[in-house]
Amino acid sequence: MRTFILKTIVITLAIYILFQFTLGQVINDISSKFKLVSNHHQRIEIKTKILEEMKKGTEKENLFSDEERVILSNFINKILNELKTTSQK
């Protein structure tokens, strides 16, 4: 009985440590990001940064390079073609 309890404790401890090194770290990272967004001051800073980046983007003459234009155009055309075929069914 004593060996069973000892083995159970060791296995439980090993599973807990394995969990903390794998999924526990990911969960902690996600929860810290949620805490960052839940703070009102941090949300205002994030909003300000996004607006600044949008302003910089609109001041540029071209938002996309030639290669990016081709890729985006092909992607949008593919989506439109797929939507046309599904609406006809």
PDB file of N, CA and C in Angstrom:
ATOM      1  N   MET A   1       0.824  -1.190   0.000  1.00  0.00           N
ATOM      2  CA  MET A   1       0.000   0.000   0.000  1.00  0.00           C
ATOM      3  C   MET A   1       0.870   1.257   0.000  1.00  0.00           C
ATOM      4  N   ARG A   2       1.966   1.177   0.752  1.00  0.00           N
ATOM      5  CA  ARG A   2       2.867   2.327   0.858  1.00  0.00           C
ATOM      6  C   ARG A   2       3.533   2.620  -0.478  1.00  0.00           C
ATOM      7  N   THR A   3       3.907   1.581  -1.210  1.00  0.00           N
ATOM      8  CA  THR A   3       4.544   1.783  -2.505  1.00  0.00           C
ATOM      9  C   THR A   3       3.550   2.350  -3.519  1.00  0.00           C
ATOM     10  N   PHE A   4       2.288   1.933  -3.405  1.00  0.00           N
ATOM     11  CA  PHE A   4       1.270   2.461  -4.302  1.00  0.00           C
ATOM     12  C   PHE A   4       1.097   3.968  -4.092  1.00  0.00           C
ATOM     13  N   ILE A   5       1.016   4.395  -2.865  1.00  0.00           N
ATOM     14  CA  ILE A   5       0.860   5.815  -2.554  1.00  0.00           C
ATOM     15  C   ILE A   5       2.083   6.588  -3.011  1.00  0.00           C
ATOM     16  N   LEU A   6       3.262   6.057  -2.783  1.00  0.00           N
ATOM     17  CA  LEU A   6       4.498   6.720  -3.196  1.00  0.00           C
ATOM     18  C   LEU A   6       4.559   6.842  -4.727  1.00  0.00           C
ATOM     19  N   LYS A   7       4.216   5.775  -5.437  1.00  0.00           N
ATOM     20  CA  LYS A   7       4.210   5.819  -6.896  1.00  0.00           C
ATOM     21  C   LYS A   7       3.170   6.817  -7.414  1.00  0.00           C
ATOM     22  N   THR A   8       2.018   6.844  -6.780  1.00  0.00           N
ATOM     23  CA  THR A   8       0.968   7.782  -7.179  1.00  0.00           C
ATOM     24  C   THR A   8       1.416   9.220  -6.997  1.00  0.00           C
ATOM     25  N   ILE A   9       2.065   9.510  -5.903  1.00  0.00           N
ATOM     26  CA  ILE A   9       2.559  10.866  -5.642  1.00  0.00           C
ATOM     27  C   ILE A   9       3.627  11.246  -6.660  1.00  0.00           C
ATOM     28  N   VAL A  10       4.539  10.344  -6.948  1.00  0.00           N
ATOM     29  CA  VAL A  10       5.607  10.627  -7.912  1.00  0.00           C
ATOM     30  C   VAL A  10       5.033  10.843  -9.310  1.00  0.00           C
ATOM     31  N   ILE A  11       4.098  10.020  -9.730  1.00  0.00           N
ATOM     32  CA  ILE A  11       3.485  10.157 -11.046  1.00  0.00           C
ATOM     33  C   ILE A  11       2.691  11.456 -11.134  1.00  0.00           C
ATOM     34  N   THR A  12       1.947  11.776 -10.087  1.00  0.00           N
ATOM     35  CA  THR A  12       1.185  13.025 -10.071  1.00  0.00           C
ATOM     36  C   THR A  12       2.103  14.228 -10.153  1.00  0.00           C
ATOM     37  N   LEU A  13       3.190  14.195  -9.417  1.00  0.00           N
ATOM     38  CA  LEU A  13       4.165  15.278  -9.443  1.00  0.00           C
ATOM     39  C   LEU A  13       4.808  15.397 -10.824  1.00  0.00           C
ATOM     40  N   ALA A  14       5.122  14.274 -11.436  1.00  0.00           N
ATOM     41  CA  ALA A  14       5.732  14.290 -12.772  1.00  0.00           C
ATOM     42  C   ALA A  14       4.758  14.849 -13.805  1.00  0.00           C
ATOM     43  N   ILE A  15       3.498  14.470 -13.727  1.00  0.00           N
ATOM     44  CA  ILE A  15       2.494  14.993 -14.665  1.00  0.00           C
ATOM     45  C   ILE A  15       2.320  16.494 -14.468  1.00  0.00           C
ATOM     46  N   TYR A  16       2.290  16.952 -13.228  1.00  0.00           N
ATOM     47  CA  TYR A  16       2.147  18.375 -12.943  1.00  0.00           C
ATOM     48  C   TYR A  16       3.334  19.168 -13.506  1.00  0.00           C
ATOM     49  N   ILE A  17       4.532  18.680 -13.301  1.00  0.00           N
ATOM     50  CA  ILE A  17       5.729  19.367 -13.813  1.00  0.00           C
ATOM     51  C   ILE A  17       5.718  19.383 -15.340  1.00  0.00           C
ATOM     52  N   LEU A  18       5.356  18.272 -15.956  1.00  0.00           N
ATOM     53  CA  LEU A  18       5.268  18.200 -17.412  1.00  0.00           C
ATOM     54  C   LEU A  18       4.226  19.187 -17.940  1.00  0.00           C
ATOM     55  N   PHE A  19       3.093  19.287 -17.264  1.00  0.00           N
ATOM     56  CA  PHE A  19       2.050  20.221 -17.662  1.00  0.00           C
ATOM     57  C   PHE A  19       2.540  21.659 -17.568  1.00  0.00           C
ATOM     58  N   GLN A  20       3.243  21.995 -16.496  1.00  0.00           N
ATOM     59  CA  GLN A  20       3.729  23.362 -16.311  1.00  0.00           C
ATOM     60  C   GLN A  20       4.762  23.740 -17.369  1.00  0.00           C
ATOM     61  N   PHE A  21       5.590  22.803 -17.780  1.00  0.00           N
ATOM     62  CA  PHE A  21       6.597  23.100 -18.794  1.00  0.00           C
ATOM     63  C   PHE A  21       6.015  23.175 -20.202  1.00  0.00           C
ATOM     64  N   THR A  22       4.856  22.547 -20.430  1.00  0.00           N
ATOM     65  CA  THR A  22       4.280  22.563 -21.771  1.00  0.00           C
ATOM     66  C   THR A  22       3.107  23.531 -21.840  1.00  0.00           C
ATOM     67  N   LEU A  23       1.959  23.113 -21.405  1.00  0.00           N
ATOM     68  CA  LEU A  23       0.753  23.928 -21.537  1.00  0.00           C
ATOM     69  C   LEU A  23       0.674  25.055 -20.516  1.00  0.00           C
ATOM     70  N   GLY A  24       1.260  24.882 -19.370  1.00  0.00           N
ATOM     71  CA  GLY A  24       1.199  25.912 -18.334  1.00  0.00           C
ATOM     72  C   GLY A  24       1.813  27.224 -18.785  1.00  0.00           C
ATOM     73  N   GLN A  25       2.918  27.151 -19.490  1.00  0.00           N
ATOM     74  CA  GLN A  25       3.586  28.357 -19.974  1.00  0.00           C
ATOM     75  C   GLN A  25       2.728  29.076 -21.003  1.00  0.00           C
ATOM     76  N   VAL A  26       2.097  28.311 -21.894  1.00  0.00           N
ATOM     77  CA  VAL A  26       1.232  28.901 -22.920  1.00  0.00           C
ATOM     78  C   VAL A  26       0.033  29.580 -22.261  1.00  0.00           C
ATOM     79  N   ILE A  27      -0.554  28.935 -21.288  1.00  0.00           N
ATOM     80  CA  ILE A  27      -1.703  29.500 -20.583  1.00  0.00           C
ATOM     81  C   ILE A  27      -1.298  30.772 -19.855  1.00  0.00           C
ATOM     82  N   ASN A  28      -0.145  30.786 -19.233  1.00  0.00           N
ATOM     83  CA  ASN A  28       0.333  31.988 -18.548  1.00  0.00           C
ATOM     84  C   ASN A  28       0.558  33.132 -19.521  1.00  0.00           C
ATOM     85  N   ASP A  29       1.106  32.847 -20.698  1.00  0.00           N
ATOM     86  CA  ASP A  29       1.316  33.888 -21.714  1.00  0.00           C
ATOM     87  C   ASP A  29      -0.005  34.492 -22.173  1.00  0.00           C
ATOM     88  N   ILE A  30      -0.984  33.633 -22.422  1.00  0.00           N
ATOM     89  CA  ILE A  30      -2.285  34.110 -22.877  1.00  0.00           C
ATOM     90  C   ILE A  30      -2.969  34.936 -21.793  1.00  0.00           C
ATOM     91  N   SER A  31      -2.904  34.481 -20.564  1.00  0.00           N
ATOM     92  CA  SER A  31      -3.556  35.230 -19.489  1.00  0.00           C
ATOM     93  C   SER A  31      -2.875  36.570 -19.253  1.00  0.00           C
ATOM     94  N   SER A  32      -1.560  36.647 -19.436  1.00  0.00           N
ATOM     95  CA  SER A  32      -0.881  37.930 -19.273  1.00  0.00           C
ATOM     96  C   SER A  32      -1.277  38.897 -20.388  1.00  0.00           C
ATOM     97  N   LYS A  33      -1.528  38.384 -21.595  1.00  0.00           N
ATOM     98  CA  LYS A  33      -1.996  39.240 -22.693  1.00  0.00           C
ATOM     99  C   LYS A  33      -3.406  39.747 -22.415  1.00  0.00           C
ATOM    100  N   PHE A  34      -4.264  38.907 -21.850  1.00  0.00           N
ATOM    101  CA  PHE A  34      -5.601  39.351 -21.494  1.00  0.00           C
ATOM    102  C   PHE A  34      -5.554  40.417 -20.404  1.00  0.00           C
ATOM    103  N   LYS A  35      -4.650  40.262 -19.456  1.00  0.00           N
ATOM    104  CA  LYS A  35      -4.513  41.271 -18.407  1.00  0.00           C
ATOM    105  C   LYS A  35      -4.033  42.591 -18.984  1.00  0.00           C
ATOM    106  N   LEU A  36      -3.160  42.518 -19.984  1.00  0.00           N
ATOM    107  CA  LEU A  36      -2.657  43.724 -20.630  1.00  0.00           C
ATOM    108  C   LEU A  36      -3.784  44.475 -21.319  1.00  0.00           C
ATOM    109  N   VAL A  37      -4.655  43.752 -22.001  1.00  0.00           N
ATOM    110  CA  VAL A  37      -5.760  44.376 -22.720  1.00  0.00           C
ATOM    111  C   VAL A  37      -6.861  44.833 -21.762  1.00  0.00           C
ATOM    112  N   SER A  38      -6.990  44.194 -20.617  1.00  0.00           N
ATOM    113  CA  SER A  38      -8.054  44.562 -19.687  1.00  0.00           C
ATOM    114  C   SER A  38      -7.763  45.877 -18.979  1.00  0.00           C
ATOM    115  N   ASN A  39      -6.512  46.310 -18.960  1.00  0.00           N
ATOM    116  CA  ASN A  39      -6.160  47.583 -18.340  1.00  0.00           C
ATOM    117  C   ASN A  39      -6.566  48.727 -19.278  1.00  0.00           C
ATOM    118  N   HIS A  40      -7.333  49.686 -18.775  1.00  0.00           N
ATOM    119  CA  HIS A  40      -7.854  50.791 -19.593  1.00  0.00           C
ATOM    120  C   HIS A  40      -6.722  51.615 -20.196  1.00  0.00           C
ATOM    121  N   HIS A  41      -5.696  51.902 -19.422  1.00  0.00           N
ATOM    122  CA  HIS A  41      -4.571  52.710 -19.911  1.00  0.00           C
ATOM    123  C   HIS A  41      -3.839  51.986 -21.043  1.00  0.00           C
ATOM    124  N   GLN A  42      -3.655  50.689 -20.914  1.00  0.00           N
ATOM    125  CA  GLN A  42      -2.977  49.909 -21.952  1.00  0.00           C
ATOM    126  C   GLN A  42      -3.808  49.877 -23.238  1.00  0.00           C
ATOM    127  N   ARG A  43      -5.140  49.793 -23.106  1.00  0.00           N
ATOM    128  CA  ARG A  43      -5.995  49.803 -24.300  1.00  0.00           C
ATOM    129  C   ARG A  43      -5.869  51.123 -25.040  1.00  0.00           C
ATOM    130  N   ILE A  44      -5.793  52.219 -24.302  1.00  0.00           N
ATOM    131  CA  ILE A  44      -5.640  53.524 -24.937  1.00  0.00           C
ATOM    132  C   ILE A  44      -4.306  53.601 -25.672  1.00  0.00           C
ATOM    133  N   GLU A  45      -3.236  53.086 -25.070  1.00  0.00           N
ATOM    134  CA  GLU A  45      -1.924  53.085 -25.721  1.00  0.00           C
ATOM    135  C   GLU A  45      -1.935  52.237 -26.988  1.00  0.00           C
ATOM    136  N   ILE A  46      -2.566  51.071 -26.934  1.00  0.00           N
ATOM    137  CA  ILE A  46      -2.647  50.195 -28.103  1.00  0.00           C
ATOM    138  C   ILE A  46      -3.441  50.882 -29.209  1.00  0.00           C
ATOM    139  N   LYS A  47      -4.551  51.517 -28.842  1.00  0.00           N
ATOM    140  CA  LYS A  47      -5.359  52.236 -29.825  1.00  0.00           C
ATOM    141  C   LYS A  47      -4.554  53.356 -30.476  1.00  0.00           C
ATOM    142  N   THR A  48      -3.784  54.083 -29.673  1.00  0.00           N
ATOM    143  CA  THR A  48      -2.964  55.171 -30.198  1.00  0.00           C
ATOM    144  C   THR A  48      -1.915  54.640 -31.169  1.00  0.00           C
ATOM    145  N   LYS A  49      -1.272  53.531 -30.824  1.00  0.00           N
ATOM    146  CA  LYS A  49      -0.258  52.944 -31.703  1.00  0.00           C
ATOM    147  C   LYS A  49      -0.869  52.486 -33.024  1.00  0.00           C
ATOM    148  N   ILE A  50      -2.051  51.892 -32.954  1.00  0.00           N
ATOM    149  CA  ILE A  50      -2.710  51.429 -34.173  1.00  0.00           C
ATOM    150  C   ILE A  50      -3.049  52.612 -35.065  1.00  0.00           C
ATOM    151  N   LEU A  51      -3.580  53.675 -34.465  1.00  0.00           N
ATOM    152  CA  LEU A  51      -3.927  54.860 -35.252  1.00  0.00           C
ATOM    153  C   LEU A  51      -2.692  55.509 -35.873  1.00  0.00           C
ATOM    154  N   GLU A  52      -1.578  55.533 -35.144  1.00  0.00           N
ATOM    155  CA  GLU A  52      -0.333  56.083 -35.697  1.00  0.00           C
ATOM    156  C   GLU A  52       0.139  55.272 -36.894  1.00  0.00           C
ATOM    157  N   GLU A  53       0.068  53.956 -36.789  1.00  0.00           N
ATOM    158  CA  GLU A  53       0.487  53.094 -37.900  1.00  0.00           C
ATOM    159  C   GLU A  53      -0.436  53.259 -39.100  1.00  0.00           C
ATOM    160  N   MET A  54      -1.735  53.427 -38.844  1.00  0.00           N
ATOM    161  CA  MET A  54      -2.668  53.650 -39.939  1.00  0.00           C
ATOM    162  C   MET A  54      -2.375  54.983 -40.627  1.00  0.00           C
ATOM    163  N   LYS A  55      -2.025  55.977 -39.836  1.00  0.00           N
ATOM    164  CA  LYS A  55      -1.700  57.289 -40.403  1.00  0.00           C
ATOM    165  C   LYS A  55      -0.442  57.196 -41.269  1.00  0.00           C
ATOM    166  N   LYS A  56       0.579  56.481 -40.780  1.00  0.00           N
ATOM    167  CA  LYS A  56       1.799  56.291 -41.562  1.00  0.00           C
ATOM    168  C   LYS A  56       1.494  55.561 -42.873  1.00  0.00           C
ATOM    169  N   GLY A  57       0.611  54.580 -42.807  1.00  0.00           N
ATOM    170  CA  GLY A  57       0.263  53.814 -43.995  1.00  0.00           C
ATOM    171  C   GLY A  57      -0.471  54.645 -45.025  1.00  0.00           C
ATOM    172  N   THR A  58      -1.337  55.541 -44.578  1.00  0.00           N
ATOM    173  CA  THR A  58      -2.082  56.364 -45.529  1.00  0.00           C
ATOM    174  C   THR A  58      -1.213  57.456 -46.143  1.00  0.00           C
ATOM    175  N   GLU A  59      -0.128  57.803 -45.491  1.00  0.00           N
ATOM    176  CA  GLU A  59       0.766  58.822 -46.036  1.00  0.00           C
ATOM    177  C   GLU A  59       1.671  58.277 -47.129  1.00  0.00           C
ATOM    178  N   LYS A  60       1.814  56.967 -47.196  1.00  0.00           N
ATOM    179  CA  LYS A  60       2.640  56.359 -48.231  1.00  0.00           C
ATOM    180  C   LYS A  60       1.924  56.447 -49.571  1.00  0.00           C
ATOM    181  N   GLU A  61       2.707  56.536 -50.629  1.00  0.00           N
ATOM    182  CA  GLU A  61       2.115  56.590 -51.967  1.00  0.00           C
ATOM    183  C   GLU A  61       1.538  55.226 -52.352  1.00  0.00           C
ATOM    184  N   ASN A  62       2.306  54.166 -52.132  1.00  0.00           N
ATOM    185  CA  ASN A  62       1.862  52.812 -52.444  1.00  0.00           C
ATOM    186  C   ASN A  62       1.906  51.987 -51.165  1.00  0.00           C
ATOM    187  N   LEU A  63       0.786  51.364 -50.857  1.00  0.00           N
ATOM    188  CA  LEU A  63       0.745  50.526 -49.662  1.00  0.00           C
ATOM    189  C   LEU A  63       1.376  49.166 -49.898  1.00  0.00           C
ATOM    190  N   PHE A  64       1.267  48.658 -51.130  1.00  0.00           N
ATOM    191  CA  PHE A  64       1.745  47.314 -51.433  1.00  0.00           C
ATOM    192  C   PHE A  64       2.808  47.357 -52.518  1.00  0.00           C
ATOM    193  N   SER A  65       3.691  46.386 -52.469  1.00  0.00           N
ATOM    194  CA  SER A  65       4.671  46.238 -53.537  1.00  0.00           C
ATOM    195  C   SER A  65       3.993  45.554 -54.726  1.00  0.00           C
ATOM    196  N   ASP A  66       4.681  45.489 -55.856  1.00  0.00           N
ATOM    197  CA  ASP A  66       4.102  44.872 -57.053  1.00  0.00           C
ATOM    198  C   ASP A  66       3.757  43.404 -56.810  1.00  0.00           C
ATOM    199  N   GLU A  67       4.641  42.694 -56.132  1.00  0.00           N
ATOM    200  CA  GLU A  67       4.396  41.280 -55.857  1.00  0.00           C
ATOM    201  C   GLU A  67       3.187  41.110 -54.935  1.00  0.00           C
ATOM    202  N   GLU A  68       3.084  41.957 -53.912  1.00  0.00           N
ATOM    203  CA  GLU A  68       1.950  41.878 -52.992  1.00  0.00           C
ATOM    204  C   GLU A  68       0.637  42.184 -53.710  1.00  0.00           C
ATOM    205  N   ARG A  69       0.661  43.126 -54.647  1.00  0.00           N
ATOM    206  CA  ARG A  69      -0.546  43.449 -55.416  1.00  0.00           C
ATOM    207  C   ARG A  69      -1.023  42.242 -56.215  1.00  0.00           C
ATOM    208  N   VAL A  70      -0.092  41.561 -56.847  1.00  0.00           N
ATOM    209  CA  VAL A  70      -0.461  40.392 -57.656  1.00  0.00           C
ATOM    210  C   VAL A  70      -1.038  39.306 -56.763  1.00  0.00           C
ATOM    211  N   ILE A  71      -0.402  39.050 -55.649  1.00  0.00           N
ATOM    212  CA  ILE A  71      -0.872  37.996 -54.742  1.00  0.00           C
ATOM    213  C   ILE A  71      -2.256  38.334 -54.204  1.00  0.00           C
ATOM    214  N   LEU A  72      -2.443  39.564 -53.734  1.00  0.00           N
ATOM    215  CA  LEU A  72      -3.743  39.956 -53.191  1.00  0.00           C
ATOM    216  C   LEU A  72      -4.826  39.947 -54.257  1.00  0.00           C
ATOM    217  N   SER A  73      -4.497  40.400 -55.448  1.00  0.00           N
ATOM    218  CA  SER A  73      -5.467  40.408 -56.537  1.00  0.00           C
ATOM    219  C   SER A  73      -5.906  38.987 -56.880  1.00  0.00           C
ATOM    220  N   ASN A  74      -4.963  38.080 -56.994  1.00  0.00           N
ATOM    221  CA  ASN A  74      -5.294  36.681 -57.283  1.00  0.00           C
ATOM    222  C   ASN A  74      -6.144  36.075 -56.166  1.00  0.00           C
ATOM    223  N   PHE A  75      -5.824  36.381 -54.944  1.00  0.00           N
ATOM    224  CA  PHE A  75      -6.556  35.848 -53.807  1.00  0.00           C
ATOM    225  C   PHE A  75      -7.991  36.374 -53.797  1.00  0.00           C
ATOM    226  N   ILE A  76      -8.163  37.671 -54.011  1.00  0.00           N
ATOM    227  CA  ILE A  76      -9.504  38.265 -54.011  1.00  0.00           C
ATOM    228  C   ILE A  76     -10.323  37.723 -55.176  1.00  0.00           C
ATOM    229  N   ASN A  77      -9.707  37.589 -56.348  1.00  0.00           N
ATOM    230  CA  ASN A  77     -10.420  37.024 -57.499  1.00  0.00           C
ATOM    231  C   ASN A  77     -10.858  35.590 -57.232  1.00  0.00           C
ATOM    232  N   LYS A  78     -10.021  34.825 -56.582  1.00  0.00           N
ATOM    233  CA  LYS A  78     -10.366  33.440 -56.254  1.00  0.00           C
ATOM    234  C   LYS A  78     -11.552  33.397 -55.296  1.00  0.00           C
ATOM    235  N   ILE A  79     -11.554  34.270 -54.305  1.00  0.00           N
ATOM    236  CA  ILE A  79     -12.661  34.318 -53.354  1.00  0.00           C
ATOM    237  C   ILE A  79     -13.950  34.728 -54.065  1.00  0.00           C
ATOM    238  N   LEU A  80     -13.870  35.748 -54.935  1.00  0.00           N
ATOM    239  CA  LEU A  80     -15.061  36.191 -55.655  1.00  0.00           C
ATOM    240  C   LEU A  80     -15.609  35.099 -56.560  1.00  0.00           C
ATOM    241  N   ASN A  81     -14.737  34.381 -57.246  1.00  0.00           N
ATOM    242  CA  ASN A  81     -15.181  33.273 -58.101  1.00  0.00           C
ATOM    243  C   ASN A  81     -15.851  32.176 -57.289  1.00  0.00           C
ATOM    244  N   GLU A  82     -15.308  31.882 -56.132  1.00  0.00           N
ATOM    245  CA  GLU A  82     -15.895  30.849 -55.281  1.00  0.00           C
ATOM    246  C   GLU A  82     -17.252  31.292 -54.758  1.00  0.00           C
ATOM    247  N   LEU A  83     -17.389  32.563 -54.409  1.00  0.00           N
ATOM    248  CA  LEU A  83     -18.675  33.066 -53.932  1.00  0.00           C
ATOM    249  C   LEU A  83     -19.710  33.074 -55.052  1.00  0.00           C
ATOM    250  N   LYS A  84     -19.296  33.335 -56.282  1.00  0.00           N
ATOM    251  CA  LYS A  84     -20.229  33.306 -57.414  1.00  0.00           C
ATOM    252  C   LYS A  84     -20.749  31.903 -57.636  1.00  0.00           C
ATOM    253  N   THR A  85     -19.894  30.896 -57.527  1.00  0.00           N
ATOM    254  CA  THR A  85     -20.324  29.525 -57.779  1.00  0.00           C
ATOM    255  C   THR A  85     -21.228  29.028 -56.663  1.00  0.00           C
ATOM    256  N   THR A  86     -21.015  29.455 -55.436  1.00  0.00           N
ATOM    257  CA  THR A  86     -21.868  28.997 -54.342  1.00  0.00           C
ATOM    258  C   THR A  86     -23.221  29.693 -54.354  1.00  0.00           C
ATOM    259  N   SER A  87     -23.283  30.919 -54.858  1.00  0.00           N
ATOM    260  CA  SER A  87     -24.557  31.625 -54.904  1.00  0.00           C
ATOM    261  C   SER A  87     -25.455  31.093 -56.013  1.00  0.00           C
ATOM    262  N   GLN A  88     -24.888  30.453 -57.040  1.00  0.00           N
ATOM    263  CA  GLN A  88     -25.668  29.926 -58.140  1.00  0.00           C
ATOM    264  C   GLN A  88     -26.308  28.580 -57.797  1.00  0.00           C
ATOM    265  N   LYS A  89     -25.819  27.912 -56.795  1.00  0.00           N
ATOM    266  CA  LYS A  89     -26.339  26.567 -56.418  1.00  0.00           C
ATOM    267  C   LYS A  89     -27.656  26.658 -55.728  1.00  0.00           C
TER     268      LYS A  89
END
